[in-house]
Amino acid sequence: MPLLANTLFRFVITSARLGGRWALLAMAVLGMMQPTWATEAPSTDAYLDLNCAVYFRQVAASHKQAGNDILAAPYLERMQLLLIRAKLDAIYQSTIASPPTANFNQDWQEALTRQTNLINRNYKNIRRLKLRYAKACEARLD
């Protein structure tokens, strides 16, 4: 990743963690820089971040269904952070022929369906997701 793009990426992540308003501006600048990145090899970072964002969404929904909104809040924050990272990486890896939002929405739906099927559409089975994703997804945030 070019130095300027890497700096903007770190700024967006830090801004999102602090609730900053500059994240959208940095995302727009990254989007304008995209054509210079189209020749680089694809990364699996967006895929991993997206799966972890879906995992955190599922855990938050499990807590909300049980009536524990306070326990759901940290998982929703983690989900938002990983969504920003996944969208930025999707912009970084996209080409003009395939817009990042179309692929991103489809990938989100596929990951959500896969994880929902894994717990048999019952949040009481959330332990299955925790066993599979918890350690790896927490490590993605460090």
N, C-alpha and C. Protein backbone atom coordinates (compact mmCIF):
# COMPACT_ATOMS: atom_id res chain seq x y z
N MET A 1 0.86 -1.17 0.00
CA MET A 1 0.00 0.00 0.00
C MET A 1 0.91 1.23 0.00
N PRO A 2 0.65 2.19 -0.88
CA PRO A 2 1.45 3.40 -0.91
C PRO A 2 1.41 4.11 0.45
N LEU A 3 2.46 4.90 0.73
CA LEU A 3 2.60 5.56 2.02
C LEU A 3 1.42 6.46 2.34
N LEU A 4 0.98 7.27 1.39
CA LEU A 4 -0.15 8.17 1.63
C LEU A 4 -1.43 7.38 1.92
N ALA A 5 -1.66 6.32 1.16
CA ALA A 5 -2.85 5.50 1.38
C ALA A 5 -2.80 4.83 2.75
N ASN A 6 -1.63 4.34 3.12
CA ASN A 6 -1.47 3.70 4.42
C ASN A 6 -1.73 4.71 5.55
N THR A 7 -1.22 5.92 5.40
CA THR A 7 -1.44 6.97 6.39
C THR A 7 -2.92 7.32 6.49
N LEU A 8 -3.59 7.48 5.35
CA LEU A 8 -5.02 7.77 5.37
C LEU A 8 -5.81 6.63 5.98
N PHE A 9 -5.43 5.41 5.68
CA PHE A 9 -6.12 4.24 6.23
C PHE A 9 -6.02 4.25 7.76
N ARG A 10 -4.84 4.49 8.29
CA ARG A 10 -4.66 4.55 9.75
C ARG A 10 -5.43 5.70 10.35
N PHE A 11 -5.47 6.84 9.64
CA PHE A 11 -6.23 7.99 10.13
C PHE A 11 -7.72 7.66 10.22
N VAL A 12 -8.25 6.99 9.21
CA VAL A 12 -9.68 6.63 9.20
C VAL A 12 -9.99 5.70 10.36
N ILE A 13 -9.16 4.71 10.57
CA ILE A 13 -9.40 3.76 11.66
C ILE A 13 -9.34 4.47 13.00
N THR A 14 -8.33 5.30 13.21
CA THR A 14 -8.21 6.03 14.47
C THR A 14 -9.38 6.98 14.65
N SER A 15 -9.77 7.67 13.59
CA SER A 15 -10.89 8.59 13.65
C SER A 15 -12.18 7.86 13.99
N ALA A 16 -12.37 6.69 13.41
CA ALA A 16 -13.59 5.91 13.68
C ALA A 16 -13.62 5.45 15.13
N ARG A 17 -12.47 5.08 15.65
CA ARG A 17 -12.41 4.64 17.05
C ARG A 17 -12.73 5.79 18.00
N LEU A 18 -12.31 6.98 17.63
CA LEU A 18 -12.54 8.14 18.48
C LEU A 18 -13.84 8.86 18.16
N GLY A 19 -14.60 8.35 17.23
CA GLY A 19 -15.86 8.98 16.86
C GLY A 19 -15.66 10.24 16.03
N GLY A 20 -14.54 10.30 15.30
CA GLY A 20 -14.22 11.47 14.51
C GLY A 20 -15.09 11.63 13.28
N ARG A 21 -15.13 12.85 12.77
CA ARG A 21 -15.95 13.15 11.60
C ARG A 21 -15.14 13.18 10.31
N TRP A 22 -13.85 12.99 10.40
CA TRP A 22 -12.99 13.09 9.22
C TRP A 22 -12.89 11.78 8.46
N ALA A 23 -13.47 10.73 8.99
CA ALA A 23 -13.35 9.41 8.35
C ALA A 23 -13.92 9.42 6.94
N LEU A 24 -15.06 10.08 6.73
CA LEU A 24 -15.68 10.11 5.40
C LEU A 24 -14.80 10.84 4.39
N LEU A 25 -14.18 11.93 4.82
CA LEU A 25 -13.28 12.66 3.93
C LEU A 25 -12.10 11.79 3.53
N ALA A 26 -11.51 11.11 4.50
CA ALA A 26 -10.38 10.24 4.19
C ALA A 26 -10.80 9.09 3.29
N MET A 27 -12.01 8.55 3.49
CA MET A 27 -12.51 7.48 2.62
C MET A 27 -12.68 8.00 1.20
N ALA A 28 -13.16 9.23 1.06
CA ALA A 28 -13.33 9.81 -0.28
C ALA A 28 -11.98 9.98 -0.97
N VAL A 29 -10.99 10.44 -0.23
CA VAL A 29 -9.65 10.61 -0.81
C VAL A 29 -9.09 9.25 -1.22
N LEU A 30 -9.28 8.24 -0.37
CA LEU A 30 -8.82 6.90 -0.73
C LEU A 30 -9.52 6.40 -1.99
N GLY A 31 -10.82 6.70 -2.11
CA GLY A 31 -11.57 6.30 -3.29
C GLY A 31 -11.06 6.95 -4.55
N MET A 32 -10.64 8.22 -4.45
CA MET A 32 -10.12 8.92 -5.62
C MET A 32 -8.75 8.37 -6.02
N MET A 33 -8.02 7.83 -5.06
CA MET A 33 -6.69 7.30 -5.35
C MET A 33 -6.76 5.89 -5.91
N GLN A 34 -7.91 5.27 -5.91
CA GLN A 34 -8.09 3.86 -6.27
C GLN A 34 -7.46 3.43 -7.59
N PRO A 35 -7.58 4.19 -8.69
CA PRO A 35 -7.04 3.68 -9.95
C PRO A 35 -5.56 3.32 -9.92
N THR A 36 -4.77 3.95 -9.07
CA THR A 36 -3.36 3.59 -9.00
C THR A 36 -3.13 2.27 -8.30
N TRP A 37 -4.17 1.78 -7.59
CA TRP A 37 -4.01 0.54 -6.86
C TRP A 37 -4.53 -0.67 -7.62
N ALA A 38 -5.18 -0.49 -8.73
CA ALA A 38 -5.87 -1.58 -9.42
C ALA A 38 -4.92 -2.69 -9.87
N THR A 39 -3.65 -2.41 -9.99
CA THR A 39 -2.71 -3.41 -10.48
C THR A 39 -2.12 -4.26 -9.37
N GLU A 40 -2.40 -3.93 -8.09
CA GLU A 40 -1.81 -4.69 -6.99
C GLU A 40 -2.56 -5.99 -6.76
N ALA A 41 -1.88 -6.94 -6.15
CA ALA A 41 -2.49 -8.25 -5.87
C ALA A 41 -3.62 -8.12 -4.87
N PRO A 42 -4.69 -8.90 -5.04
CA PRO A 42 -5.81 -8.81 -4.10
C PRO A 42 -5.44 -9.29 -2.71
N SER A 43 -6.16 -8.76 -1.73
CA SER A 43 -5.90 -9.09 -0.34
C SER A 43 -7.11 -9.79 0.26
N THR A 44 -6.87 -10.60 1.27
CA THR A 44 -7.98 -11.25 1.95
C THR A 44 -8.40 -10.46 3.18
N ASP A 45 -7.80 -9.30 3.43
CA ASP A 45 -8.14 -8.51 4.59
C ASP A 45 -9.61 -8.12 4.60
N ALA A 46 -10.14 -7.71 3.47
CA ALA A 46 -11.55 -7.30 3.41
C ALA A 46 -12.45 -8.48 3.74
N TYR A 47 -12.11 -9.65 3.23
CA TYR A 47 -12.90 -10.86 3.49
C TYR A 47 -12.89 -11.20 4.98
N LEU A 48 -11.71 -11.16 5.60
CA LEU A 48 -11.60 -11.48 7.02
C LEU A 48 -12.31 -10.44 7.88
N ASP A 49 -12.14 -9.16 7.55
CA ASP A 49 -12.81 -8.10 8.30
C ASP A 49 -14.32 -8.21 8.16
N LEU A 50 -14.78 -8.53 6.98
CA LEU A 50 -16.22 -8.65 6.75
C LEU A 50 -16.81 -9.81 7.56
N ASN A 51 -16.14 -10.97 7.54
CA ASN A 51 -16.61 -12.10 8.32
C ASN A 51 -16.63 -11.80 9.81
N CYS A 52 -15.62 -11.09 10.28
CA CYS A 52 -15.59 -10.74 11.69
C CYS A 52 -16.66 -9.71 12.03
N ALA A 53 -16.91 -8.78 11.12
CA ALA A 53 -17.98 -7.80 11.35
C ALA A 53 -19.33 -8.51 11.46
N VAL A 54 -19.56 -9.49 10.61
CA VAL A 54 -20.80 -10.27 10.68
C VAL A 54 -20.85 -11.05 11.99
N TYR A 55 -19.73 -11.61 12.39
CA TYR A 55 -19.67 -12.34 13.66
C TYR A 55 -20.07 -11.42 14.82
N PHE A 56 -19.47 -10.23 14.88
CA PHE A 56 -19.79 -9.29 15.96
C PHE A 56 -21.26 -8.86 15.89
N ARG A 57 -21.80 -8.75 14.69
CA ARG A 57 -23.21 -8.41 14.54
C ARG A 57 -24.09 -9.52 15.12
N GLN A 58 -23.71 -10.76 14.84
CA GLN A 58 -24.48 -11.89 15.35
C GLN A 58 -24.43 -11.96 16.87
N VAL A 59 -23.27 -11.74 17.45
CA VAL A 59 -23.14 -11.76 18.91
C VAL A 59 -23.95 -10.63 19.52
N ALA A 60 -23.90 -9.44 18.93
CA ALA A 60 -24.68 -8.32 19.43
C ALA A 60 -26.18 -8.62 19.34
N ALA A 61 -26.60 -9.20 18.25
CA ALA A 61 -28.02 -9.55 18.10
C ALA A 61 -28.44 -10.59 19.12
N SER A 62 -27.54 -11.51 19.45
CA SER A 62 -27.83 -12.51 20.47
C SER A 62 -28.06 -11.84 21.82
N HIS A 63 -27.19 -10.90 22.17
CA HIS A 63 -27.35 -10.17 23.43
C HIS A 63 -28.63 -9.33 23.43
N LYS A 64 -28.91 -8.69 22.31
CA LYS A 64 -30.13 -7.87 22.23
C LYS A 64 -31.38 -8.73 22.38
N GLN A 65 -31.38 -9.90 21.77
CA GLN A 65 -32.54 -10.78 21.86
C GLN A 65 -32.75 -11.23 23.31
N ALA A 66 -31.66 -11.37 24.04
CA ALA A 66 -31.75 -11.77 25.45
C ALA A 66 -32.07 -10.58 26.35
N GLY A 67 -32.18 -9.37 25.77
CA GLY A 67 -32.51 -8.18 26.54
C GLY A 67 -31.32 -7.50 27.18
N ASN A 68 -30.12 -7.81 26.73
CA ASN A 68 -28.89 -7.24 27.29
C ASN A 68 -28.29 -6.21 26.32
N ASP A 69 -28.95 -5.07 26.17
CA ASP A 69 -28.45 -4.05 25.24
C ASP A 69 -27.08 -3.53 25.65
N ILE A 70 -26.81 -3.49 26.93
CA ILE A 70 -25.51 -2.99 27.41
C ILE A 70 -24.39 -3.92 26.96
N LEU A 71 -24.63 -5.22 26.98
CA LEU A 71 -23.62 -6.16 26.53
C LEU A 71 -23.46 -6.15 25.01
N ALA A 72 -24.50 -5.75 24.30
CA ALA A 72 -24.44 -5.71 22.84
C ALA A 72 -23.63 -4.53 22.32
N ALA A 73 -23.59 -3.42 23.06
CA ALA A 73 -22.95 -2.19 22.58
C ALA A 73 -21.50 -2.36 22.17
N PRO A 74 -20.63 -3.02 22.97
CA PRO A 74 -19.23 -3.16 22.53
C PRO A 74 -19.09 -3.97 21.24
N TYR A 75 -19.96 -4.96 21.06
CA TYR A 75 -19.90 -5.77 19.85
C TYR A 75 -20.34 -4.96 18.63
N LEU A 76 -21.30 -4.07 18.82
CA LEU A 76 -21.72 -3.20 17.71
C LEU A 76 -20.62 -2.23 17.33
N GLU A 77 -19.87 -1.73 18.32
CA GLU A 77 -18.74 -0.84 18.03
C GLU A 77 -17.66 -1.58 17.25
N ARG A 78 -17.37 -2.81 17.65
CA ARG A 78 -16.38 -3.62 16.94
C ARG A 78 -16.84 -3.89 15.52
N MET A 79 -18.13 -4.16 15.36
CA MET A 79 -18.68 -4.40 14.03
C MET A 79 -18.49 -3.17 13.15
N GLN A 80 -18.80 -1.99 13.68
CA GLN A 80 -18.66 -0.75 12.90
C GLN A 80 -17.22 -0.52 12.49
N LEU A 81 -16.29 -0.74 13.40
CA LEU A 81 -14.87 -0.56 13.09
C LEU A 81 -14.43 -1.49 11.97
N LEU A 82 -14.82 -2.75 12.06
CA LEU A 82 -14.43 -3.70 11.02
C LEU A 82 -15.15 -3.44 9.70
N LEU A 83 -16.36 -2.89 9.76
CA LEU A 83 -17.06 -2.52 8.52
C LEU A 83 -16.31 -1.40 7.80
N ILE A 84 -15.85 -0.43 8.55
CA ILE A 84 -15.08 0.66 7.93
C ILE A 84 -13.81 0.09 7.30
N ARG A 85 -13.11 -0.77 8.03
CA ARG A 85 -11.90 -1.36 7.48
C ARG A 85 -12.19 -2.20 6.24
N ALA A 86 -13.27 -2.98 6.27
CA ALA A 86 -13.62 -3.83 5.13
C ALA A 86 -14.00 -2.98 3.92
N LYS A 87 -14.75 -1.90 4.15
CA LYS A 87 -15.14 -1.03 3.04
C LYS A 87 -13.93 -0.32 2.45
N LEU A 88 -13.03 0.14 3.31
CA LEU A 88 -11.82 0.78 2.80
C LEU A 88 -10.98 -0.20 1.99
N ASP A 89 -10.87 -1.42 2.47
CA ASP A 89 -10.10 -2.41 1.72
C ASP A 89 -10.81 -2.78 0.42
N ALA A 90 -12.14 -2.79 0.44
CA ALA A 90 -12.88 -3.07 -0.79
C ALA A 90 -12.64 -1.96 -1.81
N ILE A 91 -12.61 -0.72 -1.36
CA ILE A 91 -12.31 0.41 -2.25
C ILE A 91 -10.89 0.25 -2.78
N TYR A 92 -9.99 -0.11 -1.90
CA TYR A 92 -8.59 -0.28 -2.25
C TYR A 92 -8.41 -1.36 -3.32
N GLN A 93 -9.17 -2.44 -3.22
CA GLN A 93 -9.01 -3.57 -4.12
C GLN A 93 -9.93 -3.54 -5.33
N SER A 94 -10.87 -2.61 -5.39
CA SER A 94 -11.86 -2.61 -6.46
C SER A 94 -11.27 -2.11 -7.78
N THR A 95 -12.00 -2.41 -8.82
CA THR A 95 -11.67 -1.90 -10.14
C THR A 95 -12.86 -1.10 -10.63
N ILE A 96 -12.69 -0.39 -11.69
CA ILE A 96 -13.79 0.41 -12.23
C ILE A 96 -14.91 -0.49 -12.74
N ALA A 97 -14.58 -1.68 -13.23
CA ALA A 97 -15.59 -2.60 -13.77
C ALA A 97 -16.50 -3.18 -12.69
N SER A 98 -15.98 -3.32 -11.46
CA SER A 98 -16.83 -3.87 -10.39
C SER A 98 -16.81 -2.92 -9.20
N PRO A 99 -17.87 -2.13 -9.03
CA PRO A 99 -17.90 -1.18 -7.92
C PRO A 99 -17.82 -1.89 -6.58
N PRO A 100 -17.14 -1.29 -5.59
CA PRO A 100 -16.96 -1.97 -4.31
C PRO A 100 -18.26 -2.18 -3.55
N THR A 101 -19.24 -1.28 -3.67
CA THR A 101 -20.46 -1.43 -2.88
C THR A 101 -21.28 -2.64 -3.33
N ALA A 102 -21.32 -2.91 -4.61
CA ALA A 102 -22.09 -4.06 -5.10
C ALA A 102 -21.50 -5.35 -4.56
N ASN A 103 -20.19 -5.51 -4.68
CA ASN A 103 -19.53 -6.70 -4.16
C ASN A 103 -19.63 -6.77 -2.65
N PHE A 104 -19.47 -5.64 -1.99
CA PHE A 104 -19.50 -5.60 -0.54
C PHE A 104 -20.86 -6.05 0.00
N ASN A 105 -21.93 -5.53 -0.56
CA ASN A 105 -23.27 -5.91 -0.10
C ASN A 105 -23.55 -7.39 -0.33
N GLN A 106 -23.12 -7.90 -1.46
CA GLN A 106 -23.30 -9.32 -1.75
C GLN A 106 -22.47 -10.18 -0.79
N ASP A 107 -21.23 -9.78 -0.54
CA ASP A 107 -20.38 -10.52 0.38
C ASP A 107 -20.93 -10.49 1.80
N TRP A 108 -21.48 -9.33 2.21
CA TRP A 108 -22.09 -9.21 3.53
C TRP A 108 -23.25 -10.20 3.66
N GLN A 109 -24.10 -10.24 2.65
CA GLN A 109 -25.27 -11.11 2.71
C GLN A 109 -24.86 -12.58 2.73
N GLU A 110 -23.84 -12.94 1.96
CA GLU A 110 -23.37 -14.33 1.96
C GLU A 110 -22.80 -14.72 3.32
N ALA A 111 -22.00 -13.85 3.92
CA ALA A 111 -21.42 -14.14 5.23
C ALA A 111 -22.51 -14.22 6.29
N LEU A 112 -23.47 -13.33 6.23
CA LEU A 112 -24.57 -13.34 7.19
C LEU A 112 -25.40 -14.62 7.06
N THR A 113 -25.69 -15.02 5.85
CA THR A 113 -26.46 -16.25 5.63
C THR A 113 -25.68 -17.47 6.12
N ARG A 114 -24.39 -17.52 5.82
CA ARG A 114 -23.57 -18.66 6.24
C ARG A 114 -23.52 -18.77 7.76
N GLN A 115 -23.33 -17.65 8.45
CA GLN A 115 -23.26 -17.69 9.91
C GLN A 115 -24.63 -17.96 10.53
N THR A 116 -25.68 -17.43 9.92
CA THR A 116 -27.03 -17.69 10.42
C THR A 116 -27.37 -19.17 10.28
N ASN A 117 -26.98 -19.78 9.18
CA ASN A 117 -27.20 -21.22 9.00
C ASN A 117 -26.37 -22.04 9.98
N LEU A 118 -25.18 -21.56 10.32
CA LEU A 118 -24.33 -22.28 11.25
C LEU A 118 -24.97 -22.37 12.64
N ILE A 119 -25.71 -21.35 13.03
CA ILE A 119 -26.38 -21.39 14.34
C ILE A 119 -27.83 -21.85 14.22
N ASN A 120 -28.18 -22.37 13.05
CA ASN A 120 -29.54 -22.87 12.79
C ASN A 120 -30.61 -21.82 13.07
N ARG A 121 -30.33 -20.58 12.71
CA ARG A 121 -31.27 -19.48 12.86
C ARG A 121 -31.77 -19.31 14.30
N ASN A 122 -30.94 -19.66 15.26
CA ASN A 122 -31.31 -19.57 16.66
C ASN A 122 -30.13 -18.97 17.43
N TYR A 123 -30.34 -17.78 18.00
CA TYR A 123 -29.25 -17.11 18.71
C TYR A 123 -28.84 -17.83 19.99
N LYS A 124 -29.61 -18.80 20.42
CA LYS A 124 -29.19 -19.60 21.57
C LYS A 124 -28.00 -20.49 21.22
N ASN A 125 -27.76 -20.68 19.94
CA ASN A 125 -26.63 -21.49 19.48
C ASN A 125 -25.41 -20.62 19.13
N ILE A 126 -25.34 -19.41 19.65
CA ILE A 126 -24.27 -18.48 19.31
C ILE A 126 -22.90 -19.03 19.70
N ARG A 127 -22.87 -19.98 20.60
CA ARG A 127 -21.62 -20.60 21.02
C ARG A 127 -20.87 -21.21 19.83
N ARG A 128 -21.59 -21.72 18.86
CA ARG A 128 -20.95 -22.29 17.66
C ARG A 128 -20.12 -21.24 16.93
N LEU A 129 -20.67 -20.04 16.82
CA LEU A 129 -19.91 -18.96 16.17
C LEU A 129 -18.74 -18.52 17.03
N LYS A 130 -18.94 -18.45 18.33
CA LYS A 130 -17.86 -18.03 19.22
C LYS A 130 -16.69 -18.99 19.15
N LEU A 131 -16.98 -20.28 19.09
CA LEU A 131 -15.90 -21.26 18.98
C LEU A 131 -15.12 -21.10 17.68
N ARG A 132 -15.80 -20.76 16.63
CA ARG A 132 -15.17 -20.67 15.31
C ARG A 132 -14.46 -19.33 15.09
N TYR A 133 -15.06 -18.21 15.55
CA TYR A 133 -14.57 -16.89 15.15
C TYR A 133 -13.97 -16.03 16.26
N ALA A 134 -14.27 -16.28 17.51
CA ALA A 134 -13.93 -15.34 18.58
C ALA A 134 -12.46 -14.95 18.63
N LYS A 135 -11.56 -15.92 18.71
CA LYS A 135 -10.14 -15.60 18.83
C LYS A 135 -9.60 -14.86 17.62
N ALA A 136 -9.93 -15.35 16.45
CA ALA A 136 -9.41 -14.72 15.23
C ALA A 136 -9.95 -13.30 15.06
N CYS A 137 -11.21 -13.09 15.39
CA CYS A 137 -11.80 -11.76 15.21
C CYS A 137 -11.30 -10.78 16.24
N GLU A 138 -11.09 -11.21 17.46
CA GLU A 138 -10.51 -10.32 18.47
C GLU A 138 -9.08 -9.95 18.07
N ALA A 139 -8.36 -10.89 17.49
CA ALA A 139 -6.99 -10.61 17.03
C ALA A 139 -6.98 -9.60 15.88
N ARG A 140 -8.04 -9.56 15.06
CA ARG A 140 -8.10 -8.60 13.94
C ARG A 140 -8.19 -7.18 14.45
N LEU A 141 -8.69 -6.99 15.67
CA LEU A 141 -8.83 -5.64 16.21
C LEU A 141 -7.57 -5.12 16.86
N ASP A 142 -6.62 -5.99 17.14
CA ASP A 142 -5.37 -5.56 17.79
C ASP A 142 -4.40 -4.96 16.82
